[in-house]
Amino acid sequence: MEYRNYVIAAYAVFVLVLGWDFIASRLQIRRELRNARMRATRGAARRPNSELSR
């Protein structure tokens, strides 16, 4: 019984770290997708619209 508080604290830290890892990875995926969309938009804006302009 004397180790119960330490075990509870260890599980709490584990759950917090696991949650942070999940949230951080989701945020990173969202940021990378946004960057990819922005690169694609910039690339499309730079390309000529017709074959005659080459």
N, C-alpha and C. Protein backbone atom coordinates (compact mmCIF):
# COMPACT_ATOMS: atom_id res chain seq x y z
N MET A 1 0.80 -1.20 0.00
CA MET A 1 0.00 0.00 0.00
C MET A 1 0.84 1.27 0.00
N GLU A 2 2.04 1.18 0.48
CA GLU A 2 2.84 2.40 0.59
C GLU A 2 3.36 2.88 -0.77
N TYR A 3 3.32 2.01 -1.78
CA TYR A 3 3.79 2.42 -3.10
C TYR A 3 2.66 2.87 -4.02
N ARG A 4 1.44 2.85 -3.50
CA ARG A 4 0.29 3.17 -4.33
C ARG A 4 0.39 4.56 -4.94
N ASN A 5 0.80 5.55 -4.19
CA ASN A 5 0.90 6.91 -4.71
C ASN A 5 1.93 7.01 -5.83
N TYR A 6 3.02 6.30 -5.70
CA TYR A 6 4.05 6.31 -6.74
C TYR A 6 3.54 5.65 -8.02
N VAL A 7 2.81 4.56 -7.86
CA VAL A 7 2.26 3.86 -9.02
C VAL A 7 1.23 4.74 -9.71
N ILE A 8 0.37 5.38 -8.96
CA ILE A 8 -0.63 6.28 -9.53
C ILE A 8 0.06 7.43 -10.25
N ALA A 9 1.08 8.00 -9.66
CA ALA A 9 1.81 9.09 -10.29
C ALA A 9 2.49 8.62 -11.58
N ALA A 10 3.06 7.42 -11.56
CA ALA A 10 3.72 6.90 -12.76
C ALA A 10 2.72 6.70 -13.89
N TYR A 11 1.55 6.15 -13.57
CA TYR A 11 0.52 5.98 -14.60
C TYR A 11 0.03 7.34 -15.10
N ALA A 12 -0.10 8.30 -14.21
CA ALA A 12 -0.55 9.63 -14.63
C ALA A 12 0.45 10.26 -15.59
N VAL A 13 1.73 10.15 -15.28
CA VAL A 13 2.76 10.70 -16.16
C VAL A 13 2.74 9.97 -17.50
N PHE A 14 2.57 8.66 -17.46
CA PHE A 14 2.51 7.88 -18.70
C PHE A 14 1.35 8.34 -19.58
N VAL A 15 0.19 8.52 -18.98
CA VAL A 15 -0.99 8.95 -19.75
C VAL A 15 -0.77 10.35 -20.31
N LEU A 16 -0.18 11.25 -19.53
CA LEU A 16 0.09 12.60 -20.02
C LEU A 16 1.06 12.59 -21.20
N VAL A 17 2.12 11.82 -21.09
CA VAL A 17 3.11 11.75 -22.17
C VAL A 17 2.49 11.11 -23.42
N LEU A 18 1.71 10.07 -23.21
CA LEU A 18 1.04 9.42 -24.34
C LEU A 18 0.08 10.39 -25.03
N GLY A 19 -0.67 11.13 -24.24
CA GLY A 19 -1.59 12.12 -24.80
C GLY A 19 -0.85 13.21 -25.55
N TRP A 20 0.23 13.71 -24.96
CA TRP A 20 1.01 14.75 -25.63
C TRP A 20 1.59 14.25 -26.94
N ASP A 21 2.07 13.02 -26.95
CA ASP A 21 2.63 12.45 -28.17
C ASP A 21 1.56 12.36 -29.26
N PHE A 22 0.36 11.96 -28.89
CA PHE A 22 -0.74 11.87 -29.84
C PHE A 22 -1.09 13.25 -30.39
N ILE A 23 -1.24 14.22 -29.52
CA ILE A 23 -1.62 15.57 -29.94
C ILE A 23 -0.53 16.22 -30.78
N ALA A 24 0.73 16.07 -30.37
CA ALA A 24 1.84 16.68 -31.11
C ALA A 24 1.95 16.08 -32.51
N SER A 25 1.75 14.77 -32.63
CA SER A 25 1.84 14.17 -33.97
C SER A 25 0.70 14.64 -34.86
N ARG A 26 -0.50 14.79 -34.31
CA ARG A 26 -1.62 15.30 -35.10
C ARG A 26 -1.35 16.73 -35.56
N LEU A 27 -0.81 17.55 -34.68
CA LEU A 27 -0.50 18.93 -35.05
C LEU A 27 0.58 18.98 -36.13
N GLN A 28 1.57 18.10 -36.04
CA GLN A 28 2.63 18.07 -37.04
C GLN A 28 2.08 17.63 -38.40
N ILE A 29 1.21 16.64 -38.40
CA ILE A 29 0.61 16.18 -39.66
C ILE A 29 -0.20 17.30 -40.29
N ARG A 30 -0.99 18.01 -39.47
CA ARG A 30 -1.79 19.12 -39.99
C ARG A 30 -0.91 20.21 -40.57
N ARG A 31 0.20 20.53 -39.88
CA ARG A 31 1.12 21.57 -40.36
C ARG A 31 1.77 21.16 -41.67
N GLU A 32 2.20 19.91 -41.78
CA GLU A 32 2.85 19.45 -43.01
C GLU A 32 1.87 19.41 -44.19
N LEU A 33 0.63 19.01 -43.93
CA LEU A 33 -0.36 19.02 -45.01
C LEU A 33 -0.63 20.44 -45.48
N ARG A 34 -0.72 21.39 -44.54
CA ARG A 34 -0.92 22.78 -44.92
C ARG A 34 0.25 23.29 -45.75
N ASN A 35 1.47 22.96 -45.34
CA ASN A 35 2.65 23.38 -46.10
C ASN A 35 2.65 22.77 -47.51
N ALA A 36 2.26 21.51 -47.62
CA ALA A 36 2.22 20.86 -48.94
C ALA A 36 1.18 21.53 -49.83
N ARG A 37 0.01 21.87 -49.25
CA ARG A 37 -1.01 22.57 -50.05
C ARG A 37 -0.52 23.93 -50.51
N MET A 38 0.16 24.64 -49.64
CA MET A 38 0.67 25.97 -50.00
C MET A 38 1.73 25.86 -51.09
N ARG A 39 2.61 24.86 -51.00
CA ARG A 39 3.62 24.65 -52.06
C ARG A 39 2.95 24.33 -53.38
N ALA A 40 1.92 23.50 -53.34
CA ALA A 40 1.21 23.13 -54.58
C ALA A 40 0.52 24.36 -55.18
N THR A 41 -0.04 25.20 -54.34
CA THR A 41 -0.70 26.41 -54.83
C THR A 41 0.31 27.36 -55.45
N ARG A 42 1.44 27.53 -54.79
CA ARG A 42 2.48 28.40 -55.36
C ARG A 42 3.01 27.84 -56.66
N GLY A 43 3.19 26.54 -56.72
CA GLY A 43 3.69 25.92 -57.94
C GLY A 43 2.70 26.06 -59.09
N ALA A 44 1.41 25.92 -58.79
CA ALA A 44 0.39 26.07 -59.83
C ALA A 44 0.32 27.51 -60.30
N ALA A 45 0.55 28.46 -59.43
CA ALA A 45 0.49 29.88 -59.82
C ALA A 45 1.67 30.25 -60.71
N ARG A 46 2.79 29.58 -60.54
CA ARG A 46 3.97 29.89 -61.36
C ARG A 46 3.91 29.27 -62.74
N ARG A 47 3.20 28.16 -62.88
CA ARG A 47 3.14 27.47 -64.17
C ARG A 47 2.27 28.23 -65.15
N PRO A 48 2.66 28.23 -66.42
CA PRO A 48 1.81 28.87 -67.43
C PRO A 48 0.51 28.09 -67.60
N ASN A 49 -0.54 28.80 -67.99
CA ASN A 49 -1.86 28.18 -68.11
C ASN A 49 -2.10 27.49 -69.43
N SER A 50 -1.34 27.84 -70.46
CA SER A 50 -1.59 27.22 -71.75
C SER A 50 -0.29 26.69 -72.33
N GLU A 51 -0.45 25.80 -73.28
CA GLU A 51 0.71 25.22 -73.95
C GLU A 51 1.36 26.23 -74.89
N LEU A 52 0.64 27.23 -75.33
CA LEU A 52 1.16 28.19 -76.30
C LEU A 52 2.19 29.15 -75.66
N SER A 53 2.20 29.26 -74.41
CA SER A 53 3.10 30.24 -73.79
C SER A 53 4.50 29.69 -73.57
N ARG A 54 4.76 28.47 -73.95
CA ARG A 54 6.11 27.91 -73.78
C ARG A 54 7.11 28.52 -74.69
